[in-house]
Amino acid sequence: VGLYKGGEWDYSKYGDYLKTRPMGTGSHSLLVRGCYWMQLQAWLVNFKREDILIERMEDMKRDGIQKTVSRAYEFLGLPEFKVVDEGSKNSRSYDGMEEATRERLEQVFEAEDRKLFGGLGWEMVEG
């Protein structure tokens, strides 16, 4: 199932695509993993937007783990939880990306990012 053709992601084929994937998810695909707006649509069919908390990595980096966890616990109506270890987990370093690869990925995800940020009412973050 071709999800990306002619410079556009075809949301109508996402359900068919998931049926062909292990465990019915797109998590194995590096490209589909980055299509957050497409993935969010499946949740919005079943839940109201105000019942879903979406956190941005930029906010977590800016605010720290404790503040991010506190927002999640408050959203869920749970008592405050103290994070004991805020150190990085499952982190690694990577070799630099070739400029042509970066440009292609930015091109592929630009429209998807605009849909995500626009749909969530967020300001686009450049870079």
Foldseek 3Di string as FASTA:
>chain_A
DDQADPLHGDLVCLQVVLVVDVVSDPVVDPLVVPLVVSVVVVVVVPDPPLLDDDDDPVCCVVVDDQVVVQVVCVSVVHDRDDDDDRDDDPDDDDDDDDPVVVVVSCSSCVVSQCCVCVVVVHDDDDD
